[in-house]
C-alpha atoms as a PDB file:
ATOM      1  CA  UNK A   1      -7.149  21.503  36.888  1.00  0.00           C
ATOM      2  CA  UNK A   2      -9.286  20.262  33.969  1.00  0.00           C
ATOM      3  CA  UNK A   3     -10.723  21.095  30.541  1.00  0.00           C
ATOM      4  CA  UNK A   4     -14.526  21.464  29.916  1.00  0.00           C
ATOM      5  CA  UNK A   5     -14.231  20.487  25.930  1.00  0.00           C
ATOM      6  CA  UNK A   6     -16.630  18.250  24.781  1.00  0.00           C
ATOM      7  CA  UNK A   7     -14.323  16.598  21.676  1.00  0.00           C
ATOM      8  CA  UNK A   8     -17.850  14.715  20.482  1.00  0.00           C
ATOM      9  CA  UNK A   9     -19.302  17.727  18.892  1.00  0.00           C
ATOM     10  CA  UNK A  10     -15.995  18.047  16.184  1.00  0.00           C
ATOM     11  CA  UNK A  11     -16.178  15.431  13.200  1.00  0.00           C
ATOM     12  CA  UNK A  12     -13.355  16.258  11.235  1.00  0.00           C
ATOM     13  CA  UNK A  13     -10.048  14.462  12.392  1.00  0.00           C
ATOM     14  CA  UNK A  14      -8.497  18.316  11.560  1.00  0.00           C
ATOM     15  CA  UNK A  15     -10.426  19.815  14.180  1.00  0.00           C
ATOM     16  CA  UNK A  16     -10.117  17.293  16.791  1.00  0.00           C
ATOM     17  CA  UNK A  17      -6.579  17.537  16.418  1.00  0.00           C
ATOM     18  CA  UNK A  18      -6.405  21.593  16.689  1.00  0.00           C
ATOM     19  CA  UNK A  19      -8.673  20.999  19.636  1.00  0.00           C
ATOM     20  CA  UNK A  20      -6.832  18.623  21.726  1.00  0.00           C
ATOM     21  CA  UNK A  21      -3.327  20.353  20.642  1.00  0.00           C
ATOM     22  CA  UNK A  22      -5.867  23.857  22.559  1.00  0.00           C
ATOM     23  CA  UNK A  23      -6.215  21.569  25.488  1.00  0.00           C
ATOM     24  CA  UNK A  24      -2.542  19.863  25.734  1.00  0.00           C
ATOM     25  CA  UNK A  25      -0.412  23.359  25.518  1.00  0.00           C
ATOM     26  CA  UNK A  26      -2.902  26.019  26.240  1.00  0.00           C
ATOM     27  CA  UNK A  27      -2.591  27.632  23.501  1.00  0.00           C
ATOM     28  CA  UNK A  28      -3.414  27.895  19.985  1.00  0.00           C
ATOM     29  CA  UNK A  29      -1.446  27.226  16.945  1.00  0.00           C
ATOM     30  CA  UNK A  30      -0.035  24.348  18.799  1.00  0.00           C
ATOM     31  CA  UNK A  31       0.485  20.880  16.739  1.00  0.00           C
ATOM     32  CA  UNK A  32      -0.185  17.514  18.641  1.00  0.00           C
ATOM     33  CA  UNK A  33       0.707  14.731  17.061  1.00  0.00           C
ATOM     34  CA  UNK A  34      -1.992  11.961  17.283  1.00  0.00           C
ATOM     35  CA  UNK A  35      -1.379   8.431  16.214  1.00  0.00           C
ATOM     36  CA  UNK A  36      -4.310   6.447  14.300  1.00  0.00           C
ATOM     37  CA  UNK A  37      -4.596   2.846  14.067  1.00  0.00           C
ATOM     38  CA  UNK A  38      -4.554   1.656  10.603  1.00  0.00           C
ATOM     39  CA  UNK A  39      -7.373  -0.740  10.703  1.00  0.00           C
ATOM     40  CA  UNK A  40      -6.868  -4.422  10.024  1.00  0.00           C
ATOM     41  CA  UNK A  41      -8.053  -6.447   7.268  1.00  0.00           C
ATOM     42  CA  UNK A  42     -10.902  -9.070   7.767  1.00  0.00           C
ATOM     43  CA  UNK A  43     -11.936 -11.821   5.940  1.00  0.00           C
ATOM     44  CA  UNK A  44     -15.044 -10.994   3.323  1.00  0.00           C
ATOM     45  CA  UNK A  45     -16.054 -14.404   3.958  1.00  0.00           C
ATOM     46  CA  UNK A  46     -16.136 -15.235   7.229  1.00  0.00           C
ATOM     47  CA  UNK A  47     -15.037 -12.170   9.249  1.00  0.00           C
ATOM     48  CA  UNK A  48     -11.769 -13.574  11.068  1.00  0.00           C
ATOM     49  CA  UNK A  49      -9.222 -10.520  11.128  1.00  0.00           C
ATOM     50  CA  UNK A  50      -5.851 -10.884   9.733  1.00  0.00           C
ATOM     51  CA  UNK A  51      -2.095  -9.113   9.396  1.00  0.00           C
ATOM     52  CA  UNK A  52      -2.121  -6.204   6.933  1.00  0.00           C
ATOM     53  CA  UNK A  53       0.431  -8.275   4.430  1.00  0.00           C
ATOM     54  CA  UNK A  54      -2.135 -11.126   3.933  1.00  0.00           C
ATOM     55  CA  UNK A  55      -4.253 -11.744   0.730  1.00  0.00           C
ATOM     56  CA  UNK A  56      -6.350 -14.276   1.332  1.00  0.00           C
ATOM     57  CA  UNK A  57      -7.822 -16.147   5.078  1.00  0.00           C
ATOM     58  CA  UNK A  58      -6.215 -19.281   6.137  1.00  0.00           C
ATOM     59  CA  UNK A  59      -9.212 -20.308   7.500  1.00  0.00           C
ATOM     60  CA  UNK A  60     -11.559 -20.770   4.743  1.00  0.00           C
ATOM     61  CA  UNK A  61      -9.072 -19.086   2.011  1.00  0.00           C
ATOM     62  CA  UNK A  62     -11.885 -15.617   1.521  1.00  0.00           C
ATOM     63  CA  UNK A  63      -9.931 -12.293   0.332  1.00  0.00           C
ATOM     64  CA  UNK A  64      -9.149 -10.030   3.037  1.00  0.00           C
ATOM     65  CA  UNK A  65     -10.184  -7.088   2.906  1.00  0.00           C
ATOM     66  CA  UNK A  66      -9.755  -4.006   5.300  1.00  0.00           C
ATOM     67  CA  UNK A  67     -13.245  -2.595   6.313  1.00  0.00           C
ATOM     68  CA  UNK A  68     -14.588   0.964   5.613  1.00  0.00           C
ATOM     69  CA  UNK A  69     -14.442   3.655   8.172  1.00  0.00           C
ATOM     70  CA  UNK A  70     -15.673   6.658   6.376  1.00  0.00           C
ATOM     71  CA  UNK A  71     -18.462   6.660   4.171  1.00  0.00           C
ATOM     72  CA  UNK A  72     -16.704   7.336   0.235  1.00  0.00           C
ATOM     73  CA  UNK A  73     -19.714  10.076  -0.364  1.00  0.00           C
ATOM     74  CA  UNK A  74     -19.818  12.338   2.398  1.00  0.00           C
ATOM     75  CA  UNK A  75     -16.453  11.260   4.428  1.00  0.00           C
ATOM     76  CA  UNK A  76     -18.865  10.947   7.668  1.00  0.00           C
ATOM     77  CA  UNK A  77     -17.395   7.802   9.956  1.00  0.00           C
ATOM     78  CA  UNK A  78     -19.914   5.189   9.690  1.00  0.00           C
ATOM     79  CA  UNK A  79     -20.246   1.816  11.672  1.00  0.00           C
ATOM     80  CA  UNK A  80     -18.970  -1.654  10.229  1.00  0.00           C
ATOM     81  CA  UNK A  81     -22.412  -3.330   9.636  1.00  0.00           C
ATOM     82  CA  UNK A  82     -24.088  -0.113   7.617  1.00  0.00           C
ATOM     83  CA  UNK A  83     -25.791  -0.892   4.214  1.00  0.00           C
ATOM     84  CA  UNK A  84     -26.536   3.109   3.832  1.00  0.00           C
ATOM     85  CA  UNK A  85     -24.652   6.094   4.959  1.00  0.00           C
ATOM     86  CA  UNK A  86     -27.522   7.754   7.390  1.00  0.00           C
ATOM     87  CA  UNK A  87     -26.010  11.412   6.379  1.00  0.00           C
ATOM     88  CA  UNK A  88     -26.039  11.340   2.829  1.00  0.00           C
ATOM     89  CA  UNK A  89     -27.426   7.517   1.663  1.00  0.00           C
ATOM     90  CA  UNK A  90     -24.973   6.716   0.239  1.00  0.00           C
ATOM     91  CA  UNK A  91     -25.262   2.490  -0.058  1.00  0.00           C
ATOM     92  CA  UNK A  92     -22.179   1.119   1.438  1.00  0.00           C
ATOM     93  CA  UNK A  93     -22.462  -2.307   0.568  1.00  0.00           C
ATOM     94  CA  UNK A  94     -24.623  -4.047  -2.584  1.00  0.00           C
END
């Protein structure tokens, strides 16, 4: 027995968790635990990935920073290479 719930139309994490919980348990109000992976930092110069505790890149000496995953203006998901948010137009990179 399967489910036909399309989770792509839900955009915020709480709605996704509610829909997933309903699919898993078959009843409303059940809260499933969804593990979210923390993005790893990348070098601002060369783009090399690193560990969470690294402050500088061992390859080129550039600063390690965690890339943005959501727009700071409207909180919608963004792509790593976007310069502007496609929802609200917020400038993401200079």
